């Protein structure tokens, strides 16, 4: 309603200036004056701030996942002699035992996995012929990739054990994770200067 009142007031002022300019001078002089009279700056509208739209000047981001996705969160470095390295937000651990295949995703500094998938689960076990073969590794990779997407984790570090890396089971697990849309590397940490 206030905007409509300002618009009506502006139109009335404009018409009044045109009438004043039209009362004096010749046609050319009158044209120049009317153009000069009409070329006024538009009034600036002040935005109205509603209580629901007001932003607190001391905003604190309480979502650590947001900082991880922007690569701004702090990564714990740990000791240089520690293997595997502790510099990650999420770490993928793939293991094969004598009977089962297991994959787990750990958050930085946590001993309890955030996500896990294993051929011990009945839903996977009943679909597979063997719980330790290459097909089992691929199935675990596909299911874990789907669970990662549901949890919002799309990037993680996978540090393979060098003497197990070339096996077909590990390779099929890695390709299943990559085809599932999970990137097996994390961005480098960004440091913001003062």
N, C-alpha and C. Protein backbone atom coordinates (compact mmCIF):
# COMPACT_ATOMS: atom_id res chain seq x y z
N UNK A 1 0.82 -1.18 0.00
CA UNK A 1 0.00 0.00 0.00
C UNK A 1 0.87 1.25 0.00
N UNK A 2 1.99 1.19 0.74
CA UNK A 2 2.88 2.34 0.82
C UNK A 2 3.56 2.58 -0.52
N UNK A 3 3.85 1.53 -1.25
CA UNK A 3 4.50 1.66 -2.55
C UNK A 3 3.56 2.32 -3.54
N UNK A 4 2.28 1.97 -3.49
CA UNK A 4 1.29 2.57 -4.38
C UNK A 4 1.14 4.06 -4.07
N UNK A 5 1.14 4.44 -2.80
CA UNK A 5 1.06 5.86 -2.42
C UNK A 5 2.26 6.65 -2.91
N UNK A 6 3.47 6.07 -2.81
CA UNK A 6 4.68 6.73 -3.31
C UNK A 6 4.62 6.90 -4.82
N UNK A 7 4.09 5.91 -5.52
CA UNK A 7 3.99 5.98 -6.97
C UNK A 7 3.02 7.07 -7.38
N UNK A 8 1.87 7.18 -6.73
CA UNK A 8 0.89 8.22 -7.05
C UNK A 8 1.47 9.61 -6.78
N UNK A 9 2.19 9.76 -5.67
CA UNK A 9 2.81 11.04 -5.32
C UNK A 9 3.84 11.44 -6.38
N UNK A 10 4.62 10.49 -6.86
CA UNK A 10 5.64 10.76 -7.87
C UNK A 10 5.00 11.18 -9.19
N UNK A 11 3.92 10.53 -9.57
CA UNK A 11 3.22 10.89 -10.82
C UNK A 11 2.64 12.29 -10.71
N UNK A 12 2.06 12.64 -9.57
CA UNK A 12 1.52 14.00 -9.40
C UNK A 12 2.61 15.05 -9.50
N UNK A 13 3.78 14.80 -8.87
CA UNK A 13 4.88 15.76 -8.96
C UNK A 13 5.36 15.92 -10.39
N UNK A 14 5.43 14.82 -11.12
CA UNK A 14 5.89 14.86 -12.52
C UNK A 14 4.93 15.67 -13.38
N UNK A 15 3.64 15.45 -13.22
CA UNK A 15 2.64 16.21 -13.99
C UNK A 15 2.69 17.70 -13.65
N UNK A 16 2.90 18.01 -12.39
CA UNK A 16 3.00 19.42 -12.00
C UNK A 16 4.21 20.10 -12.60
N UNK A 17 5.34 19.38 -12.67
CA UNK A 17 6.54 19.97 -13.27
C UNK A 17 6.37 20.16 -14.77
N UNK A 18 5.69 19.25 -15.43
CA UNK A 18 5.45 19.40 -16.88
C UNK A 18 4.57 20.60 -17.13
N UNK A 19 3.55 20.82 -16.32
CA UNK A 19 2.66 21.97 -16.51
C UNK A 19 3.40 23.28 -16.28
N UNK A 20 4.28 23.34 -15.25
CA UNK A 20 5.04 24.55 -14.99
C UNK A 20 6.01 24.85 -16.12
N UNK A 21 6.65 23.84 -16.65
CA UNK A 21 7.60 24.05 -17.75
C UNK A 21 6.88 24.46 -19.02
N UNK A 22 5.66 24.01 -19.22
CA UNK A 22 4.89 24.31 -20.44
C UNK A 22 4.35 25.72 -20.46
N UNK A 23 4.31 26.48 -19.39
CA UNK A 23 3.72 27.81 -19.35
C UNK A 23 4.66 28.88 -19.87
N UNK A 24 5.97 28.64 -19.96
CA UNK A 24 6.89 29.71 -20.36
C UNK A 24 7.73 29.27 -21.55
N UNK A 25 8.13 30.27 -22.42
CA UNK A 25 9.11 30.07 -23.48
C UNK A 25 8.56 29.54 -24.78
N UNK A 26 9.46 29.44 -25.76
CA UNK A 26 9.09 28.96 -27.09
C UNK A 26 9.00 27.43 -27.08
N UNK A 27 8.72 26.85 -28.23
CA UNK A 27 8.51 25.40 -28.31
C UNK A 27 9.81 24.64 -28.04
N UNK A 28 10.98 25.12 -28.64
CA UNK A 28 12.25 24.42 -28.45
C UNK A 28 12.72 24.58 -27.01
N UNK A 29 12.62 25.80 -26.52
CA UNK A 29 13.03 26.06 -25.15
C UNK A 29 12.16 25.27 -24.17
N UNK A 30 10.85 25.20 -24.54
CA UNK A 30 9.91 24.47 -23.69
C UNK A 30 10.26 22.97 -23.67
N UNK A 31 10.67 22.41 -24.83
CA UNK A 31 11.02 20.99 -24.90
C UNK A 31 12.25 20.70 -24.03
N UNK A 32 13.28 21.57 -24.13
CA UNK A 32 14.48 21.36 -23.33
C UNK A 32 14.18 21.44 -21.84
N UNK A 33 13.35 22.39 -21.46
CA UNK A 33 13.01 22.54 -20.05
C UNK A 33 12.22 21.33 -19.55
N UNK A 34 11.28 20.84 -20.40
CA UNK A 34 10.46 19.71 -19.94
C UNK A 34 11.32 18.45 -19.79
N UNK A 35 12.30 18.28 -20.70
CA UNK A 35 13.19 17.12 -20.57
C UNK A 35 14.02 17.25 -19.30
N UNK A 36 14.53 18.48 -19.06
CA UNK A 36 15.32 18.71 -17.87
C UNK A 36 14.47 18.52 -16.62
N UNK A 37 13.23 18.94 -16.67
CA UNK A 37 12.36 18.81 -15.51
C UNK A 37 12.00 17.36 -15.24
N UNK A 38 11.88 16.56 -16.31
CA UNK A 38 11.48 15.17 -16.13
C UNK A 38 12.64 14.25 -15.74
N UNK A 39 13.88 14.69 -15.92
CA UNK A 39 15.01 13.82 -15.64
C UNK A 39 15.47 13.95 -14.19
N UNK A 40 14.60 13.63 -13.28
CA UNK A 40 14.92 13.63 -11.86
C UNK A 40 15.24 12.19 -11.42
N UNK A 41 16.03 12.09 -10.40
CA UNK A 41 16.36 10.77 -9.87
C UNK A 41 15.13 10.15 -9.23
N UNK A 42 14.97 8.87 -9.45
CA UNK A 42 13.84 8.15 -8.86
C UNK A 42 14.05 8.06 -7.35
N UNK A 43 12.96 8.15 -6.62
CA UNK A 43 13.11 8.04 -5.16
C UNK A 43 13.55 6.62 -4.78
N UNK A 44 14.47 6.54 -3.83
CA UNK A 44 14.96 5.24 -3.39
C UNK A 44 13.99 4.65 -2.38
N UNK A 45 13.59 3.42 -2.66
CA UNK A 45 12.68 2.74 -1.75
C UNK A 45 13.50 2.07 -0.66
N UNK A 46 13.09 2.26 0.55
CA UNK A 46 13.76 1.63 1.68
C UNK A 46 13.15 0.25 1.90
N UNK A 47 13.99 -0.81 1.91
CA UNK A 47 13.44 -2.14 2.14
C UNK A 47 12.93 -2.28 3.57
N UNK A 48 11.83 -2.95 3.69
CA UNK A 48 11.28 -3.19 5.02
C UNK A 48 11.76 -4.56 5.47
N UNK A 49 12.29 -4.60 6.67
CA UNK A 49 12.81 -5.85 7.22
C UNK A 49 11.77 -6.42 8.17
N UNK A 50 11.33 -7.61 7.82
CA UNK A 50 10.39 -8.32 8.67
C UNK A 50 11.17 -9.02 9.77
N UNK A 51 10.54 -9.29 10.89
CA UNK A 51 11.22 -9.97 11.99
C UNK A 51 11.67 -11.38 11.61
N UNK A 52 10.95 -12.01 10.70
CA UNK A 52 11.31 -13.36 10.27
C UNK A 52 12.53 -13.36 9.34
N UNK A 53 12.79 -12.24 8.67
CA UNK A 53 13.88 -12.18 7.71
C UNK A 53 15.14 -11.52 8.27
N UNK A 54 15.11 -11.06 9.49
CA UNK A 54 16.26 -10.39 10.08
C UNK A 54 17.37 -11.41 10.34
N UNK A 55 18.62 -11.01 10.03
CA UNK A 55 19.77 -11.88 10.21
C UNK A 55 20.55 -11.41 11.43
N UNK A 56 20.91 -12.34 12.25
CA UNK A 56 21.69 -12.02 13.44
C UNK A 56 23.09 -11.59 13.02
N UNK A 57 23.59 -10.46 13.48
CA UNK A 57 24.93 -10.00 13.05
C UNK A 57 26.06 -10.91 13.55
N UNK A 58 25.84 -11.66 14.60
CA UNK A 58 26.86 -12.59 15.09
C UNK A 58 26.41 -14.01 14.75
N UNK A 59 26.47 -14.37 13.49
CA UNK A 59 26.03 -15.68 13.03
C UNK A 59 27.11 -16.71 13.28
N UNK A 60 26.75 -17.85 13.83
CA UNK A 60 27.67 -18.95 14.09
C UNK A 60 27.15 -20.18 13.37
N UNK A 61 27.99 -20.75 12.50
CA UNK A 61 27.59 -21.95 11.78
C UNK A 61 27.77 -23.16 12.70
N UNK A 62 26.70 -23.87 12.97
CA UNK A 62 26.76 -25.01 13.86
C UNK A 62 26.71 -26.33 13.11
N UNK A 63 26.86 -26.31 11.80
CA UNK A 63 26.80 -27.53 11.01
C UNK A 63 28.21 -27.90 10.56
N UNK A 64 28.88 -28.84 11.21
CA UNK A 64 30.24 -29.18 10.83
C UNK A 64 30.33 -29.83 9.46
N UNK A 65 29.27 -30.49 9.01
CA UNK A 65 29.29 -31.13 7.69
C UNK A 65 29.39 -30.08 6.58
N UNK A 66 28.82 -28.90 6.81
CA UNK A 66 28.90 -27.83 5.84
C UNK A 66 30.35 -27.41 5.64
N UNK A 67 31.09 -27.27 6.72
CA UNK A 67 32.50 -26.89 6.62
C UNK A 67 33.33 -28.00 5.99
N UNK A 68 32.97 -29.24 6.23
CA UNK A 68 33.69 -30.35 5.61
C UNK A 68 33.50 -30.34 4.10
N UNK A 69 32.28 -30.11 3.66
CA UNK A 69 32.01 -30.11 2.22
C UNK A 69 32.68 -28.95 1.51
N UNK A 70 32.91 -27.85 2.22
CA UNK A 70 33.63 -26.72 1.63
C UNK A 70 35.14 -26.84 1.83
N UNK A 71 35.60 -27.90 2.48
CA UNK A 71 37.01 -28.17 2.78
C UNK A 71 37.61 -27.09 3.69
N UNK A 72 36.80 -26.54 4.59
CA UNK A 72 37.27 -25.52 5.52
C UNK A 72 37.42 -26.05 6.94
N UNK A 73 36.84 -27.20 7.23
CA UNK A 73 36.95 -27.77 8.57
C UNK A 73 38.38 -28.24 8.82
N UNK A 74 38.77 -28.25 10.07
CA UNK A 74 40.12 -28.64 10.44
C UNK A 74 40.26 -30.15 10.36
N UNK A 75 41.33 -30.61 9.73
CA UNK A 75 41.65 -32.03 9.69
C UNK A 75 42.73 -32.29 10.73
N UNK A 76 42.51 -33.29 11.58
CA UNK A 76 43.53 -33.64 12.55
C UNK A 76 44.71 -34.25 11.83
N UNK A 77 45.89 -33.77 12.12
CA UNK A 77 47.08 -34.25 11.42
C UNK A 77 47.64 -35.51 12.04
N UNK A 78 47.64 -35.61 13.34
CA UNK A 78 48.24 -36.77 14.00
C UNK A 78 49.76 -36.71 13.88
N UNK A 79 50.40 -37.79 14.26
CA UNK A 79 51.85 -37.87 14.15
C UNK A 79 52.24 -38.30 12.75
N UNK A 80 53.41 -37.86 12.30
CA UNK A 80 53.86 -38.25 10.96
C UNK A 80 54.17 -39.73 10.86
N UNK A 81 54.52 -40.33 11.98
CA UNK A 81 54.88 -41.74 11.96
C UNK A 81 53.66 -42.66 12.03
N UNK A 82 52.49 -42.09 12.23
CA UNK A 82 51.27 -42.89 12.33
C UNK A 82 50.85 -43.36 10.94
N UNK A 83 50.55 -44.65 10.83
CA UNK A 83 50.03 -45.17 9.57
C UNK A 83 48.77 -45.94 9.86
N UNK A 84 47.69 -45.76 9.17
CA UNK A 84 47.49 -44.81 8.08
C UNK A 84 47.34 -43.38 8.60
N UNK A 85 47.51 -42.44 7.72
CA UNK A 85 47.47 -41.03 8.08
C UNK A 85 46.12 -40.66 8.70
N UNK A 86 46.14 -39.74 9.62
CA UNK A 86 44.92 -39.30 10.30
C UNK A 86 44.31 -38.06 9.66
N UNK A 87 44.82 -37.62 8.53
CA UNK A 87 44.37 -36.38 7.92
C UNK A 87 43.21 -36.65 6.95
N UNK A 88 41.99 -36.75 7.50
CA UNK A 88 40.81 -37.02 6.68
C UNK A 88 39.57 -36.56 7.43
N UNK A 89 38.48 -36.40 6.67
CA UNK A 89 37.17 -36.17 7.28
C UNK A 89 36.46 -37.50 7.45
N UNK A 90 36.50 -38.32 6.40
CA UNK A 90 35.92 -39.66 6.43
C UNK A 90 36.90 -40.63 5.80
N UNK A 91 37.04 -41.81 6.41
CA UNK A 91 37.98 -42.82 5.93
C UNK A 91 37.23 -44.11 5.66
N UNK A 92 37.53 -44.74 4.55
CA UNK A 92 36.92 -46.00 4.16
C UNK A 92 37.88 -47.14 4.47
N UNK A 93 37.38 -48.14 5.17
CA UNK A 93 38.19 -49.31 5.51
C UNK A 93 37.51 -50.53 4.91
N UNK A 94 38.25 -51.25 4.06
CA UNK A 94 37.74 -52.46 3.42
C UNK A 94 38.55 -53.64 3.94
N UNK A 95 37.86 -54.66 4.44
CA UNK A 95 38.58 -55.81 4.97
C UNK A 95 37.89 -57.11 4.53
N UNK A 96 38.72 -58.11 4.34
CA UNK A 96 38.23 -59.44 3.98
C UNK A 96 38.76 -60.43 5.02
N UNK A 97 37.85 -61.12 5.64
CA UNK A 97 38.26 -62.15 6.59
C UNK A 97 38.16 -63.51 5.89
N UNK A 98 38.27 -64.56 6.67
CA UNK A 98 38.22 -65.89 6.09
C UNK A 98 36.82 -66.22 5.57
N UNK A 99 35.78 -65.56 6.16
CA UNK A 99 34.42 -65.90 5.78
C UNK A 99 33.61 -64.73 5.23
N UNK A 100 33.98 -63.50 5.55
CA UNK A 100 33.13 -62.36 5.21
C UNK A 100 33.94 -61.21 4.61
N UNK A 101 33.20 -60.33 3.94
CA UNK A 101 33.75 -59.08 3.40
C UNK A 101 33.06 -57.94 4.13
N UNK A 102 33.83 -56.97 4.62
CA UNK A 102 33.27 -55.86 5.40
C UNK A 102 33.88 -54.55 4.91
N UNK A 103 33.04 -53.53 4.84
CA UNK A 103 33.50 -52.17 4.51
C UNK A 103 32.87 -51.21 5.52
N UNK A 104 33.67 -50.29 6.05
CA UNK A 104 33.20 -49.35 7.06
C UNK A 104 33.71 -47.96 6.74
N UNK A 105 32.91 -46.96 7.08
CA UNK A 105 33.28 -45.55 6.92
C UNK A 105 33.41 -44.96 8.32
N UNK A 106 34.59 -44.42 8.62
CA UNK A 106 34.86 -43.82 9.92
C UNK A 106 34.97 -42.31 9.77
N UNK A 107 34.42 -41.58 10.73
CA UNK A 107 34.62 -40.13 10.78
C UNK A 107 35.96 -39.87 11.46
N UNK A 108 36.46 -38.68 11.32
CA UNK A 108 37.76 -38.33 11.88
C UNK A 108 37.73 -38.43 13.39
N UNK A 109 38.61 -39.28 13.93
CA UNK A 109 38.75 -39.38 15.38
C UNK A 109 37.76 -40.31 16.06
N UNK A 110 36.85 -40.92 15.32
CA UNK A 110 35.88 -41.82 15.94
C UNK A 110 36.31 -43.27 15.77
N UNK A 111 36.11 -44.06 16.82
CA UNK A 111 36.42 -45.48 16.74
C UNK A 111 35.22 -46.29 16.26
N UNK A 112 34.03 -45.69 16.35
CA UNK A 112 32.81 -46.36 15.91
C UNK A 112 32.51 -45.92 14.48
N UNK A 113 32.23 -46.87 13.58
CA UNK A 113 31.98 -46.49 12.18
C UNK A 113 30.67 -45.71 12.02
N UNK A 114 30.69 -44.77 11.08
CA UNK A 114 29.50 -44.00 10.75
C UNK A 114 28.56 -44.86 9.90
N UNK A 115 29.12 -45.53 8.90
CA UNK A 115 28.37 -46.43 8.02
C UNK A 115 29.14 -47.73 7.90
N UNK A 116 28.42 -48.81 7.70
CA UNK A 116 29.09 -50.08 7.47
C UNK A 116 28.22 -50.96 6.59
N UNK A 117 28.88 -51.91 5.94
CA UNK A 117 28.19 -52.88 5.12
C UNK A 117 29.02 -54.15 5.15
N UNK A 118 28.36 -55.28 5.25
CA UNK A 118 29.07 -56.54 5.36
C UNK A 118 28.25 -57.65 4.74
N UNK A 119 28.92 -58.71 4.37
CA UNK A 119 28.20 -59.88 3.88
C UNK A 119 27.63 -60.69 5.03
N UNK A 120 27.82 -60.24 6.26
CA UNK A 120 27.16 -60.85 7.41
C UNK A 120 25.68 -60.49 7.46
N UNK A 121 25.31 -59.39 6.80
CA UNK A 121 23.92 -58.95 6.77
C UNK A 121 23.10 -59.94 5.94
N UNK A 122 21.95 -60.28 6.45
CA UNK A 122 21.15 -61.31 5.82
C UNK A 122 20.67 -60.87 4.43
N UNK A 123 20.37 -59.60 4.24
CA UNK A 123 19.89 -59.12 2.94
C UNK A 123 20.94 -59.35 1.84
N UNK A 124 22.21 -59.19 2.14
CA UNK A 124 23.27 -59.45 1.17
C UNK A 124 23.60 -60.94 1.09
N UNK A 125 23.61 -61.57 2.22
CA UNK A 125 24.03 -62.97 2.30
C UNK A 125 23.12 -63.89 1.47
N UNK A 126 21.81 -63.62 1.48
CA UNK A 126 20.90 -64.51 0.78
C UNK A 126 20.95 -64.32 -0.73
N UNK A 127 21.49 -63.17 -1.22
CA UNK A 127 21.59 -62.93 -2.65
C UNK A 127 22.89 -63.45 -3.25
N UNK A 128 23.86 -63.75 -2.40
CA UNK A 128 25.18 -64.14 -2.89
C UNK A 128 25.40 -65.65 -2.75
N UNK A 129 26.17 -66.19 -3.67
CA UNK A 129 26.53 -67.60 -3.57
C UNK A 129 27.60 -67.82 -2.52
N UNK A 130 28.57 -66.92 -2.48
CA UNK A 130 29.65 -67.00 -1.51
C UNK A 130 29.79 -65.63 -0.85
N UNK A 131 30.13 -65.61 0.42
CA UNK A 131 30.23 -64.34 1.14
C UNK A 131 31.64 -63.78 1.11
N UNK A 132 32.53 -64.37 0.31
CA UNK A 132 33.91 -63.90 0.28
C UNK A 132 34.44 -63.67 -1.12
N UNK A 133 33.68 -63.97 -2.16
CA UNK A 133 34.18 -63.92 -3.54
C UNK A 133 34.23 -62.48 -4.06
N UNK A 134 34.65 -62.34 -5.32
CA UNK A 134 34.75 -61.03 -5.97
C UNK A 134 33.37 -60.40 -6.11
N UNK A 135 32.37 -61.19 -6.43
CA UNK A 135 31.00 -60.67 -6.55
C UNK A 135 30.50 -60.13 -5.21
N UNK A 136 30.91 -60.74 -4.11
CA UNK A 136 30.53 -60.24 -2.79
C UNK A 136 31.17 -58.88 -2.53
N UNK A 137 32.42 -58.71 -2.94
CA UNK A 137 33.09 -57.42 -2.76
C UNK A 137 32.40 -56.34 -3.58
N UNK A 138 32.00 -56.69 -4.79
CA UNK A 138 31.31 -55.73 -5.64
C UNK A 138 29.95 -55.37 -5.04
N UNK A 139 29.22 -56.34 -4.52
CA UNK A 139 27.91 -56.08 -3.92
C UNK A 139 28.04 -55.19 -2.68
N UNK A 140 29.06 -55.45 -1.87
CA UNK A 140 29.29 -54.61 -0.68
C UNK A 140 29.60 -53.18 -1.11
N UNK A 141 30.39 -53.01 -2.17
CA UNK A 141 30.70 -51.68 -2.68
C UNK A 141 29.48 -50.94 -3.17
N UNK A 142 28.59 -51.63 -3.89
CA UNK A 142 27.37 -50.99 -4.39
C UNK A 142 26.44 -50.58 -3.26
N UNK A 143 26.25 -51.46 -2.29
CA UNK A 143 25.35 -51.15 -1.17
C UNK A 143 25.93 -50.02 -0.31
N UNK A 144 27.23 -50.05 -0.07
CA UNK A 144 27.84 -48.99 0.75
C UNK A 144 27.80 -47.64 0.04
N UNK A 145 27.97 -47.63 -1.28
CA UNK A 145 27.87 -46.38 -2.03
C UNK A 145 26.46 -45.80 -1.93
N UNK A 146 25.46 -46.65 -1.99
CA UNK A 146 24.08 -46.18 -1.85
C UNK A 146 23.85 -45.62 -0.44
N UNK A 147 24.35 -46.28 0.57
CA UNK A 147 24.19 -45.79 1.94
C UNK A 147 24.94 -44.48 2.16
N UNK A 148 26.09 -44.35 1.53
CA UNK A 148 26.84 -43.09 1.65
C UNK A 148 26.06 -41.93 1.04
N UNK A 149 25.44 -42.16 -0.11
CA UNK A 149 24.64 -41.10 -0.72
C UNK A 149 23.44 -40.74 0.14
N UNK A 150 22.82 -41.73 0.75
CA UNK A 150 21.70 -41.44 1.63
C UNK A 150 22.13 -40.64 2.86
N UNK A 151 23.35 -40.87 3.33
CA UNK A 151 23.86 -40.14 4.49
C UNK A 151 24.47 -38.80 4.10
N UNK A 152 24.66 -38.54 2.81
CA UNK A 152 25.23 -37.27 2.37
C UNK A 152 26.74 -37.25 2.32
N UNK A 153 27.37 -38.40 2.36
CA UNK A 153 28.83 -38.48 2.30
C UNK A 153 29.20 -38.88 0.88
N UNK A 154 29.82 -37.97 0.16
CA UNK A 154 30.17 -38.26 -1.24
C UNK A 154 31.67 -38.35 -1.46
N UNK A 155 32.46 -37.92 -0.50
CA UNK A 155 33.92 -37.97 -0.63
C UNK A 155 34.52 -38.59 0.62
N UNK A 156 35.49 -39.45 0.44
CA UNK A 156 36.17 -40.06 1.57
C UNK A 156 37.54 -40.54 1.13
N UNK A 157 38.40 -40.78 2.09
CA UNK A 157 39.75 -41.25 1.81
C UNK A 157 39.76 -42.77 1.88
N UNK A 158 40.36 -43.39 0.88
CA UNK A 158 40.54 -44.84 0.91
C UNK A 158 42.02 -45.13 0.78
N UNK A 159 42.62 -45.55 1.86
CA UNK A 159 44.04 -45.90 1.86
C UNK A 159 44.13 -47.42 1.79
N UNK A 160 44.52 -47.90 0.64
CA UNK A 160 44.61 -49.34 0.46
C UNK A 160 45.89 -49.88 1.08
N UNK A 161 45.85 -51.14 1.45
CA UNK A 161 47.05 -51.81 1.95
C UNK A 161 47.82 -52.28 0.72
N UNK A 162 49.08 -51.87 0.57
CA UNK A 162 49.80 -52.08 -0.69
C UNK A 162 49.83 -53.52 -1.17
N UNK A 163 49.98 -54.49 -0.29
CA UNK A 163 50.11 -55.87 -0.75
C UNK A 163 48.76 -56.52 -1.06
N UNK A 164 47.65 -55.83 -0.75
CA UNK A 164 46.33 -56.35 -1.08
C UNK A 164 45.66 -55.58 -2.21
N UNK A 165 46.27 -54.50 -2.65
CA UNK A 165 45.62 -53.58 -3.59
C UNK A 165 45.34 -54.22 -4.94
N UNK A 166 46.21 -55.08 -5.42
CA UNK A 166 46.07 -55.62 -6.77
C UNK A 166 45.09 -56.77 -6.88
N UNK A 167 44.51 -57.20 -5.79
CA UNK A 167 43.58 -58.33 -5.85
C UNK A 167 42.30 -57.91 -6.59
N UNK A 168 41.66 -58.89 -7.20
CA UNK A 168 40.44 -58.62 -7.97
C UNK A 168 39.31 -58.14 -7.06
N UNK A 169 39.25 -58.65 -5.86
CA UNK A 169 38.18 -58.27 -4.94
C UNK A 169 38.28 -56.79 -4.57
N UNK A 170 39.48 -56.32 -4.28
CA UNK A 170 39.66 -54.91 -3.92
C UNK A 170 39.37 -54.02 -5.12
N UNK A 171 39.82 -54.43 -6.30
CA UNK A 171 39.57 -53.64 -7.51
C UNK A 171 38.07 -53.56 -7.82
N UNK A 172 37.35 -54.67 -7.67
CA UNK A 172 35.91 -54.64 -7.95
C UNK A 172 35.18 -53.80 -6.89
N UNK A 173 35.64 -53.83 -5.65
CA UNK A 173 35.05 -52.98 -4.61
C UNK A 173 35.24 -51.50 -4.95
N UNK A 174 36.46 -51.13 -5.33
CA UNK A 174 36.74 -49.73 -5.68
C UNK A 174 35.91 -49.26 -6.86
N UNK A 175 35.82 -50.08 -7.91
CA UNK A 175 35.03 -49.67 -9.08
C UNK A 175 33.55 -49.57 -8.73
N UNK A 176 33.04 -50.45 -7.88
CA UNK A 176 31.63 -50.36 -7.47
C UNK A 176 31.37 -49.08 -6.69
N UNK A 177 32.30 -48.69 -5.83
CA UNK A 177 32.15 -47.43 -5.08
C UNK A 177 32.19 -46.23 -6.02
N UNK A 178 33.10 -46.25 -6.98
CA UNK A 178 33.21 -45.13 -7.92
C UNK A 178 31.98 -45.05 -8.82
N UNK A 179 31.49 -46.20 -9.29
CA UNK A 179 30.29 -46.19 -10.13
C UNK A 179 29.06 -45.78 -9.33
N UNK A 180 29.08 -45.99 -8.03
CA UNK A 180 27.99 -45.55 -7.16
C UNK A 180 28.01 -44.06 -6.89
N UNK A 181 29.04 -43.35 -7.35
CA UNK A 181 29.09 -41.89 -7.22
C UNK A 181 29.89 -41.40 -6.04
N UNK A 182 30.67 -42.27 -5.42
CA UNK A 182 31.49 -41.85 -4.28
C UNK A 182 32.91 -41.60 -4.77
N UNK A 183 33.45 -40.45 -4.45
CA UNK A 183 34.83 -40.11 -4.81
C UNK A 183 35.75 -40.59 -3.71
N UNK A 184 36.75 -41.37 -4.07
CA UNK A 184 37.64 -41.96 -3.07
C UNK A 184 38.87 -41.10 -2.81
N UNK A 185 38.68 -39.82 -2.76
CA UNK A 185 39.72 -38.87 -2.35
C UNK A 185 39.01 -37.63 -1.83
N UNK A 186 39.66 -36.93 -0.94
CA UNK A 186 39.07 -35.73 -0.38
C UNK A 186 39.80 -34.50 -0.90
N UNK A 187 39.12 -33.35 -0.97
CA UNK A 187 39.82 -32.14 -1.40
C UNK A 187 40.84 -31.71 -0.35
N UNK A 188 41.85 -31.00 -0.80
CA UNK A 188 42.84 -30.49 0.15
C UNK A 188 42.18 -29.43 1.02
N UNK A 189 42.62 -29.34 2.24
CA UNK A 189 42.06 -28.38 3.18
C UNK A 189 42.42 -26.97 2.74
N UNK A 190 41.43 -26.07 2.76
CA UNK A 190 41.64 -24.67 2.40
C UNK A 190 41.91 -23.88 3.68
N UNK A 191 42.87 -23.01 3.61
CA UNK A 191 43.19 -22.17 4.75
C UNK A 191 42.81 -20.74 4.40
N UNK A 192 42.02 -20.11 5.25
CA UNK A 192 41.58 -18.74 5.01
C UNK A 192 42.50 -17.81 5.76
N UNK A 193 43.09 -16.85 5.03
CA UNK A 193 43.99 -15.89 5.66
C UNK A 193 43.23 -14.82 6.42
N UNK A 194 43.93 -14.15 7.31
CA UNK A 194 43.28 -13.10 8.11
C UNK A 194 43.15 -11.89 7.32
